[in-house]
C-alpha atoms as a PDB file:
ATOM      1  CA  SER A   1     160.556-112.117  46.735  1.00  0.00           C
ATOM      2  CA  GLU A   2     162.638-114.279  44.226  1.00  0.00           C
ATOM      3  CA  ALA A   3     165.022-111.481  43.734  1.00  0.00           C
ATOM      4  CA  LEU A   4     165.882-111.539  47.464  1.00  0.00           C
ATOM      5  CA  ASP A   5     166.495-115.268  47.484  1.00  0.00           C
ATOM      6  CA  PRO A   6     169.756-116.125  45.573  1.00  0.00           C
ATOM      7  CA  LEU A   7     169.001-119.879  45.710  1.00  0.00           C
ATOM      8  CA  ALA A   8     165.633-119.323  43.845  1.00  0.00           C
ATOM      9  CA  ALA A   9     167.648-118.181  40.843  1.00  0.00           C
ATOM     10  CA  LEU A  10     169.974-121.149  40.760  1.00  0.00           C
ATOM     11  CA  PRO A  11     169.285-123.927  38.237  1.00  0.00           C
ATOM     12  CA  THR A  12     167.786-127.155  39.411  1.00  0.00           C
ATOM     13  CA  PRO A  13     169.958-130.285  39.216  1.00  0.00           C
ATOM     14  CA  ASP A  14     168.226-131.314  35.974  1.00  0.00           C
ATOM     15  CA  GLU A  15     168.760-127.819  34.512  1.00  0.00           C
ATOM     16  CA  CYS A  16     172.401-127.936  35.530  1.00  0.00           C
ATOM     17  CA  VAL A  17     173.008-131.143  33.582  1.00  0.00           C
ATOM     18  CA  GLU A  18     170.901-129.856  30.643  1.00  0.00           C
ATOM     19  CA  LEU A  19     172.887-126.635  30.449  1.00  0.00           C
ATOM     20  CA  ILE A  20     176.199-128.501  30.730  1.00  0.00           C
ATOM     21  CA  ASN A  21     175.344-130.973  27.975  1.00  0.00           C
ATOM     22  CA  GLU A  22     174.069-128.136  25.767  1.00  0.00           C
ATOM     23  CA  ALA A  23     177.458-126.418  26.181  1.00  0.00           C
ATOM     24  CA  ALA A  24     179.266-129.779  25.554  1.00  0.00           C
ATOM     25  CA  ASN A  25     177.244-130.392  22.421  1.00  0.00           C
ATOM     26  CA  LYS A  26     177.789-126.947  21.030  1.00  0.00           C
ATOM     27  CA  ARG A  27     181.415-127.612  20.678  1.00  0.00           C
ATOM     28  CA  LYS A  28     182.419-131.261  21.484  1.00  0.00           C
ATOM     29  CA  ILE A  29     185.231-131.829  23.982  1.00  0.00           C
ATOM     30  CA  THR A  30     187.930-133.471  21.819  1.00  0.00           C
ATOM     31  CA  PHE A  31     191.174-135.095  22.594  1.00  0.00           C
ATOM     32  CA  ALA A  32     194.374-135.766  20.730  1.00  0.00           C
ATOM     33  CA  PRO A  33     194.231-139.243  19.178  1.00  0.00           C
ATOM     34  CA  SER A  34     194.854-142.031  21.677  1.00  0.00           C
ATOM     35  CA  SER A  35     195.535-139.418  24.303  1.00  0.00           C
ATOM     36  CA  SER A  36     193.787-137.804  27.243  1.00  0.00           C
ATOM     37  CA  ASP A  37     195.141-134.311  26.188  1.00  0.00           C
ATOM     38  CA  ILE A  38     192.150-132.063  25.649  1.00  0.00           C
ATOM     39  CA  GLU A  39     192.477-130.241  22.298  1.00  0.00           C
ATOM     40  CA  SER A  40     192.918-126.522  22.585  1.00  0.00           C
ATOM     41  CA  ASP A  41     189.802-125.629  20.688  1.00  0.00           C
ATOM     42  CA  ALA A  42     187.766-127.559  23.274  1.00  0.00           C
ATOM     43  CA  MET A  43     188.949-125.313  26.068  1.00  0.00           C
ATOM     44  CA  GLU A  44     186.119-122.808  25.403  1.00  0.00           C
ATOM     45  CA  THR A  45     183.722-125.652  26.048  1.00  0.00           C
ATOM     46  CA  ILE A  46     185.480-126.362  29.304  1.00  0.00           C
ATOM     47  CA  ASP A  47     185.261-122.703  30.247  1.00  0.00           C
ATOM     48  CA  ALA A  48     181.598-122.631  29.570  1.00  0.00           C
ATOM     49  CA  ILE A  49     180.938-125.816  31.582  1.00  0.00           C
ATOM     50  CA  ALA A  50     183.087-124.491  34.492  1.00  0.00           C
ATOM     51  CA  GLY A  51     180.867-121.359  34.431  1.00  0.00           C
ATOM     52  CA  ILE A  52     177.663-123.339  34.708  1.00  0.00           C
ATOM     53  CA  LEU A  53     179.131-125.483  37.485  1.00  0.00           C
ATOM     54  CA  ARG A  54     179.707-122.484  39.653  1.00  0.00           C
ATOM     55  CA  ASP A  55     175.938-122.321  40.063  1.00  0.00           C
ATOM     56  CA  CYS A  56     175.576-126.145  40.481  1.00  0.00           C
ATOM     57  CA  GLN A  57     178.048-126.836  43.262  1.00  0.00           C
ATOM     58  CA  SER A  58     175.701-129.050  45.235  1.00  0.00           C
ATOM     59  CA  VAL A  59     174.628-131.119  42.265  1.00  0.00           C
ATOM     60  CA  GLN A  60     176.176-134.587  41.992  1.00  0.00           C
ATOM     61  CA  ILE A  61     177.451-134.959  38.418  1.00  0.00           C
ATOM     62  CA  GLU A  62     179.369-137.752  36.742  1.00  0.00           C
ATOM     63  CA  ILE A  63     181.662-136.942  33.911  1.00  0.00           C
ATOM     64  CA  SER A  64     181.463-140.129  31.751  1.00  0.00           C
ATOM     65  CA  GLY A  65     184.172-140.906  29.183  1.00  0.00           C
ATOM     66  CA  HIS A  66     183.332-143.096  26.139  1.00  0.00           C
ATOM     67  CA  THR A  67     185.418-144.472  23.320  1.00  0.00           C
ATOM     68  CA  ASP A  68     184.822-146.126  19.986  1.00  0.00           C
ATOM     69  CA  SER A  69     185.436-149.851  19.697  1.00  0.00           C
ATOM     70  CA  GLN A  70     188.761-149.659  17.937  1.00  0.00           C
ATOM     71  CA  GLY A  71     191.717-150.915  19.896  1.00  0.00           C
ATOM     72  CA  ARG A  72     191.630-153.267  22.939  1.00  0.00           C
ATOM     73  CA  GLU A  73     188.719-153.048  25.316  1.00  0.00           C
ATOM     74  CA  VAL A  74     190.879-152.670  28.458  1.00  0.00           C
ATOM     75  CA  MET A  75     192.928-149.913  26.775  1.00  0.00           C
ATOM     76  CA  ASN A  76     189.713-148.123  25.789  1.00  0.00           C
ATOM     77  CA  GLU A  77     188.412-148.362  29.311  1.00  0.00           C
ATOM     78  CA  GLN A  78     191.690-146.814  30.675  1.00  0.00           C
ATOM     79  CA  LEU A  79     191.686-144.161  27.926  1.00  0.00           C
ATOM     80  CA  SER A  80     188.068-143.175  28.585  1.00  0.00           C
ATOM     81  CA  GLN A  81     188.792-142.993  32.360  1.00  0.00           C
ATOM     82  CA  ALA A  82     191.892-140.800  31.710  1.00  0.00           C
ATOM     83  CA  ARG A  83     189.856-138.542  29.455  1.00  0.00           C
ATOM     84  CA  ALA A  84     187.084-138.119  32.041  1.00  0.00           C
ATOM     85  CA  ASP A  85     189.758-137.378  34.690  1.00  0.00           C
ATOM     86  CA  SER A  86     191.354-134.924  32.316  1.00  0.00           C
ATOM     87  CA  VAL A  87     188.019-133.034  31.968  1.00  0.00           C
ATOM     88  CA  LEU A  88     187.573-133.076  35.789  1.00  0.00           C
ATOM     89  CA  ASN A  89     191.095-131.650  36.221  1.00  0.00           C
ATOM     90  CA  ALA A  90     190.532-128.942  33.600  1.00  0.00           C
ATOM     91  CA  ILE A  91     187.392-127.949  35.482  1.00  0.00           C
ATOM     92  CA  MET A  92     189.241-127.953  38.772  1.00  0.00           C
ATOM     93  CA  ALA A  93     192.051-125.821  37.209  1.00  0.00           C
ATOM     94  CA  ARG A  94     189.336-123.137  36.626  1.00  0.00           C
ATOM     95  CA  ARG A  95     188.851-122.858  40.398  1.00  0.00           C
ATOM     96  CA  VAL A  96     185.499-124.621  40.473  1.00  0.00           C
ATOM     97  CA  LEU A  97     184.630-126.694  43.531  1.00  0.00           C
ATOM     98  CA  THR A  98     184.626-130.235  42.247  1.00  0.00           C
ATOM     99  CA  SER A  99     183.797-132.205  45.296  1.00  0.00           C
ATOM    100  CA  ASN A 100     180.359-132.954  43.757  1.00  0.00           C
ATOM    101  CA  LEU A 101     181.899-134.278  40.518  1.00  0.00           C
ATOM    102  CA  SER A 102     183.098-137.733  39.677  1.00  0.00           C
ATOM    103  CA  ALA A 103     184.822-139.116  36.581  1.00  0.00           C
ATOM    104  CA  LYS A 104     184.184-142.598  35.226  1.00  0.00           C
ATOM    105  CA  GLY A 105     185.454-144.260  32.076  1.00  0.00           C
ATOM    106  CA  TYR A 106     183.076-146.635  30.239  1.00  0.00           C
ATOM    107  CA  GLY A 107     185.381-147.460  27.353  1.00  0.00           C
ATOM    108  CA  GLU A 108     183.467-148.880  24.384  1.00  0.00           C
ATOM    109  CA  SER A 109     180.654-150.367  26.483  1.00  0.00           C
ATOM    110  CA  GLN A 110     177.992-147.780  25.753  1.00  0.00           C
ATOM    111  CA  PRO A 111     178.038-146.887  22.097  1.00  0.00           C
ATOM    112  CA  ILE A 112     175.451-144.429  20.784  1.00  0.00           C
ATOM    113  CA  ALA A 113     176.203-145.018  17.079  1.00  0.00           C
ATOM    114  CA  ASP A 114     177.592-147.614  14.690  1.00  0.00           C
ATOM    115  CA  ASN A 115     181.246-148.322  15.236  1.00  0.00           C
ATOM    116  CA  ASP A 116     181.534-149.574  11.604  1.00  0.00           C
ATOM    117  CA  THR A 117     181.424-146.087  10.200  1.00  0.00           C
ATOM    118  CA  GLU A 118     183.815-143.127  10.760  1.00  0.00           C
ATOM    119  CA  GLY A 119     180.897-140.888  11.750  1.00  0.00           C
ATOM    120  CA  GLY A 120     179.615-143.485  14.273  1.00  0.00           C
ATOM    121  CA  ARG A 121     183.055-143.952  15.808  1.00  0.00           C
ATOM    122  CA  GLU A 122     183.336-140.130  16.051  1.00  0.00           C
ATOM    123  CA  ALA A 123     179.942-140.021  17.827  1.00  0.00           C
ATOM    124  CA  ASN A 124     180.960-142.735  20.245  1.00  0.00           C
ATOM    125  CA  ARG A 125     184.139-140.907  21.287  1.00  0.00           C
ATOM    126  CA  ARG A 126     182.506-138.517  23.739  1.00  0.00           C
ATOM    127  CA  ILE A 127     182.312-137.044  27.143  1.00  0.00           C
ATOM    128  CA  GLU A 128     178.847-136.963  28.762  1.00  0.00           C
ATOM    129  CA  PHE A 129     177.671-135.298  31.944  1.00  0.00           C
ATOM    130  CA  ARG A 130     174.930-137.025  33.872  1.00  0.00           C
ATOM    131  CA  LEU A 131     173.131-136.521  37.143  1.00  0.00           C
ATOM    132  CA  VAL A 132     174.078-138.911  39.884  1.00  0.00           C
ATOM    133  CA  ALA A 133     171.118-139.827  42.050  1.00  0.00           C
ATOM    134  CA  PRO A 134     171.777-138.833  45.688  1.00  0.00           C
ATOM    135  CA  GLU A 135     170.606-142.227  46.937  1.00  0.00           C
ATOM    136  CA  ALA A 136     173.891-143.660  45.710  1.00  0.00           C
ATOM    137  CA  GLU A 137     175.649-141.917  48.703  1.00  0.00           C
ATOM    138  CA  ALA A 138     173.809-143.910  51.329  1.00  0.00           C
ATOM    139  CA  ASP A 139     175.953-146.996  51.183  1.00  0.00           C
ATOM    140  CA  ASP A 140     175.183-148.406  54.553  1.00  0.00           C
ATOM    141  CA  ALA A 141     171.477-147.944  54.101  1.00  0.00           C
ATOM    142  CA  GLY A 142     171.736-149.435  50.701  1.00  0.00           C
ATOM    143  CA  GLU A 143     173.275-152.632  51.942  1.00  0.00           C
ATOM    144  CA  THR A 144     170.524-153.053  54.589  1.00  0.00           C
ATOM    145  CA  THR A 145     167.850-152.426  52.051  1.00  0.00           C
ATOM    146  CA  GLU A 146     169.346-154.955  49.642  1.00  0.00           C
ATOM    147  CA  ALA A 147     169.467-157.599  52.380  1.00  0.00           C
ATOM    148  CA  THR A 148     165.883-156.982  53.316  1.00  0.00           C
ATOM    149  CA  GLY A 149     164.884-157.000  49.636  1.00  0.00           C
ATOM    150  CA  ALA A 150     166.420-160.406  49.153  1.00  0.00           C
ATOM    151  CA  GLU A 151     164.473-161.848  52.130  1.00  0.00           C
ATOM    152  CA  ASP A 152     161.257-160.420  50.836  1.00  0.00           C
ATOM    153  CA  SER A 153     161.621-161.936  47.403  1.00  0.00           C
ATOM    154  CA  GLN A 154     162.037-165.485  48.658  1.00  0.00           C
END
């Protein structure tokens, strides 16, 4: 019966993000120094990710941009946002529905390695793809819950 149900063959949200990050880690999405221009050899990675996203069009995914700690913090935040936007635009250019995607720049605030070494800085300059929990959409409900939560805790 699974063969008859096209949805059964689609990856789960977790699998979507896993597949995308696998593709992203195979060949890192790199940018020209201090720029949001994606380097040409990273385009294969974008192609691969776009292909995966075609099966994951209902999955809410955030494209997170990260930089190393060199340079001014505010500049890094802007650069990481521009790079995340750049990846989103490159995916959009491949005719993939991107209404479920968001791009956010975190600058240097979430290092995964030591910024004092070249290798560490290289690791910190990255694009990550992460699952966005669907609860985040319910803004109105969220506000009510928060208010109630505050009363409960008093």
